Amino acid sequence: MIPLETQRLILRDFVESDWQAVHKYASDHEVVRYLTFGPNSKEDTKNFLQREISLQGEEPRQHFALAVTLKAQKQLIGICRISTLDTGNKIGSIGYSFSKEFWGQGYATEGVKAVISFGFQELGLHCIFATFHPENIASARVMQKIGMQQKGYLREHHWIKGEWRDSWLYAILEHEMKKRHPRTCWRSLS
């Protein structure tokens, strides 16, 4: 199951020693500008990692926050996460964040495609969705590239960083992913 491998990436569980690499992007004002967290203090980042590592042992596991690493260099460059929100209706959500020096190189698209495939193939999900800030055009492009479709606009649905924020809602269904990407786009290393 975990880790996942793509052409250029390995997505694996976080370990405590990842905190400095995570802090690099989680404390960057530009990286977290549209996100619900940050910029992080060192303590925020360490607490985040402790929380994520503790969730790795849950049975059944329903939350996967994965360290995205470059396969060749083994360098941590970001996070992709998928969570099962409604097991009865088989609904999940995704999120991601990358260090800015790795923006615009297709890593987010590659990593997100892997976690979505994992969600459908391993977690048995039927629908996976994501929300993002309306000004975050880069996230819209990532979602569109992997076949997610715009499904709605949520007005003032998050209180983030001292203000109500709107979000775009994008989603993809299992059969849409199979049609768009008939070949498996990830494989487990285990």
N, C-alpha and C. Protein backbone atom coordinates (compact mmCIF):
# COMPACT_ATOMS: atom_id res chain seq x y z
N MET A 1 0.83 -1.19 0.00
CA MET A 1 0.00 0.00 0.00
C MET A 1 0.88 1.25 0.00
N ILE A 2 1.44 1.61 1.11
CA ILE A 2 2.31 2.78 1.23
C ILE A 2 3.72 2.24 1.41
N PRO A 3 4.71 2.76 0.77
CA PRO A 3 4.75 3.98 -0.04
C PRO A 3 4.23 3.78 -1.46
N LEU A 4 3.95 4.91 -2.11
CA LEU A 4 3.53 4.93 -3.51
C LEU A 4 4.70 5.43 -4.34
N GLU A 5 4.80 4.92 -5.54
CA GLU A 5 5.88 5.33 -6.43
C GLU A 5 5.29 5.79 -7.76
N THR A 6 5.74 6.93 -8.24
CA THR A 6 5.39 7.41 -9.57
C THR A 6 6.67 7.47 -10.39
N GLN A 7 6.61 8.05 -11.55
CA GLN A 7 7.79 8.13 -12.40
C GLN A 7 8.95 8.84 -11.70
N ARG A 8 8.66 9.96 -11.01
CA ARG A 8 9.73 10.76 -10.41
C ARG A 8 9.66 10.86 -8.90
N LEU A 9 8.60 10.34 -8.29
CA LEU A 9 8.34 10.59 -6.88
C LEU A 9 8.13 9.31 -6.08
N ILE A 10 8.41 9.41 -4.80
CA ILE A 10 7.98 8.41 -3.83
C ILE A 10 7.17 9.16 -2.77
N LEU A 11 5.96 8.67 -2.52
CA LEU A 11 5.08 9.23 -1.50
C LEU A 11 5.05 8.24 -0.35
N ARG A 12 5.53 8.66 0.80
CA ARG A 12 5.70 7.77 1.95
C ARG A 12 5.14 8.43 3.20
N ASP A 13 5.00 7.63 4.25
CA ASP A 13 4.58 8.18 5.54
C ASP A 13 5.66 9.13 6.08
N PHE A 14 5.21 10.13 6.79
CA PHE A 14 6.13 11.06 7.44
C PHE A 14 6.84 10.37 8.61
N VAL A 15 8.04 10.84 8.89
CA VAL A 15 8.80 10.44 10.08
C VAL A 15 9.24 11.73 10.78
N GLU A 16 9.59 11.63 12.06
CA GLU A 16 9.93 12.83 12.84
C GLU A 16 11.07 13.64 12.24
N SER A 17 12.03 12.96 11.62
CA SER A 17 13.18 13.67 11.05
C SER A 17 12.82 14.52 9.83
N ASP A 18 11.59 14.45 9.36
CA ASP A 18 11.14 15.26 8.22
C ASP A 18 10.82 16.70 8.60
N TRP A 19 10.86 17.01 9.90
CA TRP A 19 10.29 18.29 10.34
C TRP A 19 10.96 19.50 9.69
N GLN A 20 12.26 19.49 9.45
CA GLN A 20 12.92 20.66 8.86
C GLN A 20 12.49 20.88 7.41
N ALA A 21 12.38 19.79 6.65
CA ALA A 21 11.93 19.91 5.26
C ALA A 21 10.48 20.38 5.19
N VAL A 22 9.64 19.87 6.10
CA VAL A 22 8.25 20.31 6.15
C VAL A 22 8.19 21.78 6.56
N HIS A 23 8.99 22.14 7.54
CA HIS A 23 8.98 23.53 8.02
C HIS A 23 9.39 24.51 6.92
N LYS A 24 10.25 24.07 6.02
CA LYS A 24 10.70 24.94 4.94
C LYS A 24 9.52 25.46 4.13
N TYR A 25 8.57 24.58 3.76
CA TYR A 25 7.42 25.07 2.99
C TYR A 25 6.29 25.56 3.89
N ALA A 26 6.12 24.97 5.07
CA ALA A 26 5.00 25.34 5.95
C ALA A 26 5.19 26.70 6.60
N SER A 27 6.41 27.21 6.61
CA SER A 27 6.67 28.53 7.19
C SER A 27 6.82 29.62 6.13
N ASP A 28 6.70 29.24 4.87
CA ASP A 28 6.87 30.18 3.76
C ASP A 28 5.54 30.90 3.48
N HIS A 29 5.53 32.20 3.64
CA HIS A 29 4.31 33.00 3.45
C HIS A 29 3.69 32.77 2.08
N GLU A 30 4.51 32.69 1.06
CA GLU A 30 3.99 32.52 -0.30
C GLU A 30 3.35 31.14 -0.49
N VAL A 31 3.95 30.12 0.08
CA VAL A 31 3.42 28.75 -0.05
C VAL A 31 2.07 28.63 0.64
N VAL A 32 1.93 29.19 1.84
CA VAL A 32 0.71 29.00 2.63
C VAL A 32 -0.33 30.11 2.42
N ARG A 33 -0.07 31.01 1.52
CA ARG A 33 -0.96 32.16 1.30
C ARG A 33 -2.42 31.77 1.18
N TYR A 34 -2.74 30.68 0.47
CA TYR A 34 -4.13 30.28 0.26
C TYR A 34 -4.56 29.11 1.14
N LEU A 35 -3.67 28.64 1.99
CA LEU A 35 -3.96 27.44 2.78
C LEU A 35 -4.59 27.78 4.12
N THR A 36 -5.10 26.76 4.80
CA THR A 36 -5.80 26.97 6.07
C THR A 36 -4.84 27.09 7.24
N PHE A 37 -3.56 26.82 7.04
CA PHE A 37 -2.58 26.88 8.11
C PHE A 37 -1.45 27.83 7.72
N GLY A 38 -0.61 28.10 8.71
CA GLY A 38 0.64 28.81 8.47
C GLY A 38 0.50 30.31 8.32
N PRO A 39 1.63 30.93 8.20
CA PRO A 39 2.95 30.31 8.23
C PRO A 39 3.25 29.73 9.61
N ASN A 40 3.83 28.54 9.60
CA ASN A 40 4.08 27.79 10.83
C ASN A 40 5.29 28.29 11.59
N SER A 41 5.18 28.21 12.91
CA SER A 41 6.36 28.30 13.78
C SER A 41 6.99 26.91 13.79
N LYS A 42 8.21 26.79 14.33
CA LYS A 42 8.84 25.47 14.44
C LYS A 42 7.97 24.53 15.27
N GLU A 43 7.40 25.07 16.35
CA GLU A 43 6.53 24.27 17.21
C GLU A 43 5.28 23.79 16.45
N ASP A 44 4.69 24.67 15.63
CA ASP A 44 3.53 24.28 14.81
C ASP A 44 3.87 23.09 13.92
N THR A 45 5.02 23.17 13.26
CA THR A 45 5.43 22.11 12.34
C THR A 45 5.68 20.81 13.08
N LYS A 46 6.36 20.87 14.22
CA LYS A 46 6.61 19.65 15.00
C LYS A 46 5.31 19.04 15.50
N ASN A 47 4.37 19.88 15.93
CA ASN A 47 3.06 19.39 16.38
C ASN A 47 2.29 18.74 15.23
N PHE A 48 2.35 19.36 14.06
CA PHE A 48 1.71 18.80 12.87
C PHE A 48 2.25 17.39 12.60
N LEU A 49 3.58 17.27 12.59
CA LEU A 49 4.19 15.97 12.30
C LEU A 49 3.82 14.93 13.35
N GLN A 50 3.83 15.30 14.61
CA GLN A 50 3.45 14.36 15.67
C GLN A 50 2.02 13.86 15.47
N ARG A 51 1.13 14.79 15.13
CA ARG A 51 -0.28 14.43 14.89
C ARG A 51 -0.40 13.47 13.71
N GLU A 52 0.29 13.80 12.61
CA GLU A 52 0.21 12.95 11.42
C GLU A 52 0.81 11.57 11.66
N ILE A 53 1.92 11.52 12.36
CA ILE A 53 2.55 10.23 12.65
C ILE A 53 1.65 9.39 13.55
N SER A 54 0.97 10.01 14.52
CA SER A 54 0.07 9.26 15.40
C SER A 54 -1.11 8.68 14.63
N LEU A 55 -1.57 9.37 13.57
CA LEU A 55 -2.70 8.88 12.78
C LEU A 55 -2.33 7.69 11.89
N GLN A 56 -1.04 7.47 11.67
CA GLN A 56 -0.60 6.35 10.83
C GLN A 56 -0.97 5.00 11.42
N GLY A 57 -1.13 4.94 12.73
CA GLY A 57 -1.44 3.67 13.40
C GLY A 57 -2.92 3.37 13.56
N GLU A 58 -3.78 4.24 13.10
CA GLU A 58 -5.22 4.01 13.27
C GLU A 58 -5.68 2.81 12.45
N GLU A 59 -6.63 2.08 13.01
CA GLU A 59 -7.23 0.94 12.30
C GLU A 59 -8.74 1.08 12.34
N PRO A 60 -9.43 1.11 11.24
CA PRO A 60 -8.84 1.19 9.91
C PRO A 60 -8.30 2.60 9.67
N ARG A 61 -7.24 2.65 8.92
CA ARG A 61 -6.63 3.95 8.63
C ARG A 61 -7.46 4.68 7.59
N GLN A 62 -7.82 5.93 7.92
CA GLN A 62 -8.65 6.71 7.01
C GLN A 62 -8.00 8.03 6.60
N HIS A 63 -6.81 8.30 7.10
CA HIS A 63 -6.13 9.55 6.78
C HIS A 63 -4.68 9.24 6.41
N PHE A 64 -4.28 9.70 5.24
CA PHE A 64 -2.93 9.45 4.74
C PHE A 64 -2.31 10.79 4.35
N ALA A 65 -1.47 11.32 5.22
CA ALA A 65 -0.68 12.50 4.88
C ALA A 65 0.68 11.97 4.49
N LEU A 66 1.05 12.14 3.21
CA LEU A 66 2.24 11.50 2.68
C LEU A 66 3.31 12.52 2.32
N ALA A 67 4.53 12.23 2.75
CA ALA A 67 5.68 13.05 2.37
C ALA A 67 5.98 12.76 0.90
N VAL A 68 6.04 13.81 0.09
CA VAL A 68 6.37 13.66 -1.32
C VAL A 68 7.87 13.88 -1.46
N THR A 69 8.57 12.86 -1.95
CA THR A 69 10.02 12.95 -2.08
C THR A 69 10.42 12.68 -3.52
N LEU A 70 11.49 13.37 -3.95
CA LEU A 70 12.06 13.09 -5.26
C LEU A 70 12.70 11.72 -5.20
N LYS A 71 12.38 10.88 -6.15
CA LYS A 71 12.87 9.50 -6.14
C LYS A 71 14.39 9.45 -6.17
N ALA A 72 15.01 10.17 -7.08
CA ALA A 72 16.47 10.09 -7.25
C ALA A 72 17.22 10.66 -6.05
N GLN A 73 16.82 11.83 -5.57
CA GLN A 73 17.54 12.50 -4.50
C GLN A 73 17.02 12.18 -3.11
N LYS A 74 15.85 11.56 -3.03
CA LYS A 74 15.18 11.27 -1.75
C LYS A 74 14.91 12.54 -0.94
N GLN A 75 14.76 13.66 -1.64
CA GLN A 75 14.52 14.96 -1.00
C GLN A 75 13.03 15.20 -0.83
N LEU A 76 12.61 15.56 0.38
CA LEU A 76 11.21 15.87 0.64
C LEU A 76 10.88 17.24 0.05
N ILE A 77 9.85 17.27 -0.81
CA ILE A 77 9.50 18.52 -1.50
C ILE A 77 8.08 18.99 -1.20
N GLY A 78 7.29 18.17 -0.49
CA GLY A 78 5.92 18.59 -0.20
C GLY A 78 5.12 17.49 0.45
N ILE A 79 3.81 17.71 0.42
CA ILE A 79 2.85 16.78 1.03
C ILE A 79 1.67 16.60 0.08
N CYS A 80 1.17 15.38 0.02
CA CYS A 80 -0.13 15.08 -0.59
C CYS A 80 -0.89 14.26 0.45
N ARG A 81 -2.15 14.62 0.66
CA ARG A 81 -2.92 13.87 1.65
C ARG A 81 -4.27 13.47 1.04
N ILE A 82 -4.75 12.34 1.54
CA ILE A 82 -6.09 11.88 1.19
C ILE A 82 -6.73 11.35 2.45
N SER A 83 -8.00 11.70 2.63
CA SER A 83 -8.74 11.27 3.82
C SER A 83 -10.09 10.72 3.40
N THR A 84 -10.48 9.62 4.02
CA THR A 84 -11.83 9.11 3.84
C THR A 84 -12.73 9.87 4.80
N LEU A 85 -13.72 10.56 4.26
CA LEU A 85 -14.61 11.38 5.09
C LEU A 85 -15.93 10.69 5.40
N ASP A 86 -16.38 9.85 4.49
CA ASP A 86 -17.68 9.19 4.64
C ASP A 86 -17.53 7.78 4.08
N THR A 87 -17.33 6.80 4.97
CA THR A 87 -17.10 5.43 4.51
C THR A 87 -18.35 4.83 3.87
N GLY A 88 -19.52 5.16 4.37
CA GLY A 88 -20.76 4.62 3.80
C GLY A 88 -20.97 5.04 2.37
N ASN A 89 -20.71 6.30 2.08
CA ASN A 89 -20.88 6.81 0.73
C ASN A 89 -19.58 6.84 -0.07
N LYS A 90 -18.50 6.35 0.55
CA LYS A 90 -17.20 6.21 -0.12
C LYS A 90 -16.70 7.54 -0.69
N ILE A 91 -16.68 8.56 0.18
CA ILE A 91 -16.26 9.91 -0.22
C ILE A 91 -14.95 10.25 0.49
N GLY A 92 -14.03 10.82 -0.27
CA GLY A 92 -12.76 11.24 0.29
C GLY A 92 -12.39 12.64 -0.16
N SER A 93 -11.39 13.21 0.50
CA SER A 93 -10.90 14.53 0.12
C SER A 93 -9.39 14.49 0.01
N ILE A 94 -8.86 15.40 -0.80
CA ILE A 94 -7.41 15.51 -0.97
C ILE A 94 -6.94 16.93 -0.66
N GLY A 95 -5.66 17.04 -0.43
CA GLY A 95 -4.99 18.33 -0.26
C GLY A 95 -3.52 18.14 -0.55
N TYR A 96 -2.83 19.23 -0.81
CA TYR A 96 -1.40 19.14 -1.14
C TYR A 96 -0.75 20.49 -0.97
N SER A 97 0.57 20.45 -0.80
CA SER A 97 1.38 21.66 -0.69
C SER A 97 2.81 21.29 -1.04
N PHE A 98 3.50 22.17 -1.75
CA PHE A 98 4.87 21.91 -2.19
C PHE A 98 5.76 23.12 -1.95
N SER A 99 7.02 22.85 -1.68
CA SER A 99 8.01 23.94 -1.58
C SER A 99 8.02 24.69 -2.91
N LYS A 100 8.12 26.01 -2.84
CA LYS A 100 7.93 26.81 -4.06
C LYS A 100 8.99 26.58 -5.12
N GLU A 101 10.19 26.13 -4.75
CA GLU A 101 11.20 25.88 -5.79
C GLU A 101 10.84 24.69 -6.67
N PHE A 102 9.78 23.94 -6.28
CA PHE A 102 9.34 22.79 -7.07
C PHE A 102 8.00 23.05 -7.77
N TRP A 103 7.53 24.28 -7.72
CA TRP A 103 6.30 24.64 -8.43
C TRP A 103 6.56 24.66 -9.94
N GLY A 104 5.51 24.40 -10.70
CA GLY A 104 5.58 24.53 -12.15
C GLY A 104 6.36 23.44 -12.86
N GLN A 105 6.65 22.33 -12.17
CA GLN A 105 7.42 21.25 -12.78
C GLN A 105 6.62 19.95 -12.88
N GLY A 106 5.33 20.01 -12.59
CA GLY A 106 4.47 18.84 -12.72
C GLY A 106 4.46 17.90 -11.52
N TYR A 107 5.19 18.24 -10.46
CA TYR A 107 5.24 17.36 -9.29
C TYR A 107 3.89 17.28 -8.58
N ALA A 108 3.20 18.39 -8.46
CA ALA A 108 1.89 18.37 -7.79
C ALA A 108 0.92 17.50 -8.57
N THR A 109 0.88 17.67 -9.88
CA THR A 109 -0.02 16.85 -10.71
C THR A 109 0.31 15.37 -10.54
N GLU A 110 1.57 15.04 -10.59
CA GLU A 110 2.02 13.64 -10.46
C GLU A 110 1.66 13.07 -9.08
N GLY A 111 1.91 13.82 -8.03
CA GLY A 111 1.60 13.35 -6.69
C GLY A 111 0.11 13.23 -6.43
N VAL A 112 -0.65 14.22 -6.87
CA VAL A 112 -2.11 14.20 -6.66
C VAL A 112 -2.73 13.05 -7.44
N LYS A 113 -2.28 12.83 -8.65
CA LYS A 113 -2.80 11.70 -9.44
C LYS A 113 -2.54 10.38 -8.70
N ALA A 114 -1.38 10.27 -8.07
CA ALA A 114 -1.06 9.05 -7.33
C ALA A 114 -1.98 8.85 -6.13
N VAL A 115 -2.24 9.91 -5.35
CA VAL A 115 -3.10 9.73 -4.17
C VAL A 115 -4.55 9.50 -4.58
N ILE A 116 -4.98 10.09 -5.68
CA ILE A 116 -6.34 9.83 -6.15
C ILE A 116 -6.47 8.38 -6.61
N SER A 117 -5.49 7.89 -7.37
CA SER A 117 -5.51 6.48 -7.79
C SER A 117 -5.52 5.57 -6.57
N PHE A 118 -4.71 5.90 -5.58
CA PHE A 118 -4.68 5.15 -4.32
C PHE A 118 -6.05 5.16 -3.66
N GLY A 119 -6.69 6.31 -3.64
CA GLY A 119 -8.02 6.42 -3.03
C GLY A 119 -9.05 5.53 -3.69
N PHE A 120 -9.02 5.48 -5.01
CA PHE A 120 -9.97 4.63 -5.72
C PHE A 120 -9.59 3.16 -5.65
N GLN A 121 -8.32 2.84 -5.87
CA GLN A 121 -7.89 1.44 -5.96
C GLN A 121 -7.73 0.76 -4.61
N GLU A 122 -7.20 1.46 -3.62
CA GLU A 122 -6.91 0.83 -2.34
C GLU A 122 -7.94 1.14 -1.25
N LEU A 123 -8.47 2.36 -1.27
CA LEU A 123 -9.43 2.75 -0.23
C LEU A 123 -10.86 2.49 -0.66
N GLY A 124 -11.07 2.17 -1.92
CA GLY A 124 -12.41 1.85 -2.41
C GLY A 124 -13.34 3.04 -2.48
N LEU A 125 -12.80 4.22 -2.66
CA LEU A 125 -13.64 5.42 -2.72
C LEU A 125 -14.38 5.50 -4.05
N HIS A 126 -15.51 6.19 -4.03
CA HIS A 126 -16.30 6.43 -5.25
C HIS A 126 -16.13 7.85 -5.75
N CYS A 127 -15.98 8.80 -4.82
CA CYS A 127 -15.86 10.22 -5.16
C CYS A 127 -14.76 10.85 -4.30
N ILE A 128 -13.90 11.63 -4.96
CA ILE A 128 -12.85 12.36 -4.24
C ILE A 128 -12.98 13.82 -4.61
N PHE A 129 -12.93 14.69 -3.61
CA PHE A 129 -13.08 16.12 -3.87
C PHE A 129 -11.96 16.91 -3.22
N ALA A 130 -11.87 18.15 -3.63
CA ALA A 130 -10.93 19.11 -3.05
C ALA A 130 -11.55 20.48 -3.11
N THR A 131 -11.18 21.32 -2.16
CA THR A 131 -11.58 22.73 -2.21
C THR A 131 -10.31 23.57 -2.21
N PHE A 132 -10.42 24.77 -2.80
CA PHE A 132 -9.27 25.66 -2.82
C PHE A 132 -9.72 27.09 -2.97
N HIS A 133 -8.86 28.00 -2.56
CA HIS A 133 -9.11 29.43 -2.62
C HIS A 133 -9.31 29.84 -4.08
N PRO A 134 -10.31 30.67 -4.37
CA PRO A 134 -10.60 31.07 -5.75
C PRO A 134 -9.42 31.73 -6.49
N GLU A 135 -8.51 32.34 -5.75
CA GLU A 135 -7.37 32.99 -6.42
C GLU A 135 -6.20 32.03 -6.66
N ASN A 136 -6.33 30.79 -6.19
CA ASN A 136 -5.25 29.83 -6.34
C ASN A 136 -5.37 29.12 -7.70
N ILE A 137 -5.00 29.82 -8.73
CA ILE A 137 -5.12 29.34 -10.10
C ILE A 137 -4.26 28.10 -10.33
N ALA A 138 -3.10 28.01 -9.69
CA ALA A 138 -2.23 26.85 -9.86
C ALA A 138 -2.93 25.57 -9.40
N SER A 139 -3.67 25.63 -8.29
CA SER A 139 -4.41 24.45 -7.83
C SER A 139 -5.51 24.08 -8.82
N ALA A 140 -6.18 25.06 -9.37
CA ALA A 140 -7.21 24.77 -10.38
C ALA A 140 -6.59 24.02 -11.56
N ARG A 141 -5.42 24.44 -12.00
CA ARG A 141 -4.76 23.77 -13.14
C ARG A 141 -4.40 22.33 -12.80
N VAL A 142 -3.88 22.10 -11.59
CA VAL A 142 -3.54 20.74 -11.18
C VAL A 142 -4.79 19.86 -11.25
N MET A 143 -5.87 20.32 -10.66
CA MET A 143 -7.10 19.52 -10.62
C MET A 143 -7.65 19.27 -12.02
N GLN A 144 -7.61 20.27 -12.86
CA GLN A 144 -8.10 20.09 -14.23
C GLN A 144 -7.24 19.11 -15.00
N LYS A 145 -5.92 19.15 -14.81
CA LYS A 145 -5.02 18.23 -15.53
C LYS A 145 -5.30 16.77 -15.20
N ILE A 146 -5.71 16.49 -13.97
CA ILE A 146 -5.96 15.10 -13.61
C ILE A 146 -7.40 14.68 -13.84
N GLY A 147 -8.22 15.59 -14.33
CA GLY A 147 -9.59 15.24 -14.69
C GLY A 147 -10.65 15.61 -13.69
N MET A 148 -10.28 16.31 -12.62
CA MET A 148 -11.30 16.76 -11.67
C MET A 148 -12.12 17.86 -12.34
N GLN A 149 -13.39 17.91 -11.98
CA GLN A 149 -14.29 18.90 -12.57
C GLN A 149 -14.80 19.85 -11.50
N GLN A 150 -15.00 21.09 -11.93
CA GLN A 150 -15.56 22.09 -11.02
C GLN A 150 -17.01 21.73 -10.74
N LYS A 151 -17.34 21.62 -9.46
CA LYS A 151 -18.69 21.20 -9.07
C LYS A 151 -19.46 22.27 -8.32
N GLY A 152 -18.75 23.27 -7.81
CA GLY A 152 -19.48 24.29 -7.07
C GLY A 152 -18.58 25.36 -6.52
N TYR A 153 -19.23 26.38 -6.00
CA TYR A 153 -18.55 27.51 -5.37
C TYR A 153 -19.15 27.66 -3.99
N LEU A 154 -18.32 27.51 -2.98
CA LEU A 154 -18.77 27.56 -1.59
C LEU A 154 -18.49 28.95 -1.02
N ARG A 155 -19.53 29.68 -0.70
CA ARG A 155 -19.38 31.05 -0.23
C ARG A 155 -19.14 31.09 1.27
N GLU A 156 -18.07 31.80 1.64
CA GLU A 156 -17.72 32.03 3.04
C GLU A 156 -17.86 30.76 3.89
N HIS A 157 -17.29 29.68 3.43
CA HIS A 157 -17.46 28.41 4.14
C HIS A 157 -16.30 28.09 5.09
N HIS A 158 -15.24 28.89 5.08
CA HIS A 158 -14.11 28.68 5.99
C HIS A 158 -13.75 30.00 6.67
N TRP A 159 -13.54 29.93 7.98
CA TRP A 159 -12.96 31.06 8.71
C TRP A 159 -11.47 30.79 8.78
N ILE A 160 -10.70 31.51 7.99
CA ILE A 160 -9.27 31.24 7.87
C ILE A 160 -8.49 32.54 8.03
N LYS A 161 -7.54 32.51 8.93
CA LYS A 161 -6.63 33.63 9.11
C LYS A 161 -7.38 34.95 9.29
N GLY A 162 -8.44 34.89 10.08
CA GLY A 162 -9.16 36.10 10.45
C GLY A 162 -10.18 36.60 9.46
N GLU A 163 -10.56 35.77 8.49
CA GLU A 163 -11.59 36.21 7.53
C GLU A 163 -12.36 35.01 6.99
N TRP A 164 -13.58 35.29 6.54
CA TRP A 164 -14.37 34.26 5.88
C TRP A 164 -13.84 34.13 4.46
N ARG A 165 -13.67 32.87 4.03
CA ARG A 165 -13.14 32.64 2.69
C ARG A 165 -14.08 31.75 1.88
N ASP A 166 -14.16 32.09 0.61
CA ASP A 166 -14.87 31.27 -0.36
C ASP A 166 -13.93 30.17 -0.85
N SER A 167 -14.50 29.16 -1.47
CA SER A 167 -13.69 28.09 -2.07
C SER A 167 -14.37 27.56 -3.32
N TRP A 168 -13.56 27.15 -4.27
CA TRP A 168 -14.05 26.35 -5.39
C TRP A 168 -14.06 24.90 -4.92
N LEU A 169 -15.03 24.14 -5.39
CA LEU A 169 -15.13 22.72 -5.12
C LEU A 169 -14.93 21.96 -6.42
N TYR A 170 -13.94 21.07 -6.42
CA TYR A 170 -13.67 20.21 -7.57
C TYR A 170 -13.82 18.77 -7.11
N ALA A 171 -14.22 17.87 -8.03
CA ALA A 171 -14.38 16.46 -7.67
C ALA A 171 -14.13 15.58 -8.89
N ILE A 172 -13.88 14.31 -8.61
CA ILE A 172 -13.75 13.29 -9.65
C ILE A 172 -14.35 12.00 -9.11
N LEU A 173 -15.01 11.26 -10.00
CA LEU A 173 -15.58 9.97 -9.64
C LEU A 173 -14.67 8.86 -10.13
N GLU A 174 -14.78 7.70 -9.51
CA GLU A 174 -13.90 6.58 -9.86
C GLU A 174 -13.96 6.26 -11.35
N HIS A 175 -15.16 6.15 -11.91
CA HIS A 175 -15.26 5.78 -13.33
C HIS A 175 -14.70 6.86 -14.26
N GLU A 176 -14.72 8.13 -13.81
CA GLU A 176 -14.12 9.20 -14.60
C GLU A 176 -12.60 9.06 -14.62
N MET A 177 -12.02 8.69 -13.49
CA MET A 177 -10.57 8.50 -13.41
C MET A 177 -10.14 7.32 -14.28
N LYS A 178 -10.89 6.23 -14.22
CA LYS A 178 -10.57 5.05 -15.03
C LYS A 178 -10.63 5.37 -16.52
N LYS A 179 -11.62 6.15 -16.90
CA LYS A 179 -11.77 6.51 -18.32
C LYS A 179 -10.63 7.43 -18.77
N ARG A 180 -10.28 8.39 -17.92
CA ARG A 180 -9.25 9.36 -18.28
C ARG A 180 -7.84 8.77 -18.18
N HIS A 181 -7.61 7.93 -17.20
CA HIS A 181 -6.29 7.34 -16.95
C HIS A 181 -6.45 5.82 -16.85
N PRO A 182 -6.65 5.14 -17.99
CA PRO A 182 -6.91 3.70 -17.94
C PRO A 182 -5.75 2.87 -17.39
N ARG A 183 -4.55 3.35 -17.54
CA ARG A 183 -3.39 2.64 -16.99
C ARG A 183 -3.13 3.13 -15.57
N THR A 184 -2.71 2.24 -14.72
CA THR A 184 -2.39 2.61 -13.34
C THR A 184 -1.27 3.64 -13.36
N CYS A 185 -1.44 4.72 -12.61
CA CYS A 185 -0.42 5.79 -12.62
C CYS A 185 0.43 5.76 -11.36
N TRP A 186 0.33 4.73 -10.56
CA TRP A 186 1.18 4.57 -9.38
C TRP A 186 1.32 3.08 -9.11
N ARG A 187 2.27 2.75 -8.31
CA ARG A 187 2.39 1.37 -7.82
C ARG A 187 2.93 1.41 -6.41
N SER A 188 2.52 0.45 -5.65
CA SER A 188 2.99 0.35 -4.28
C SER A 188 4.40 -0.23 -4.26
N LEU A 189 5.24 0.23 -3.35
CA LEU A 189 6.59 -0.30 -3.22
C LEU A 189 6.64 -1.49 -2.29
N SER A 190 5.55 -1.78 -1.56
CA SER A 190 5.60 -2.88 -0.60
C SER A 190 5.30 -4.21 -1.26
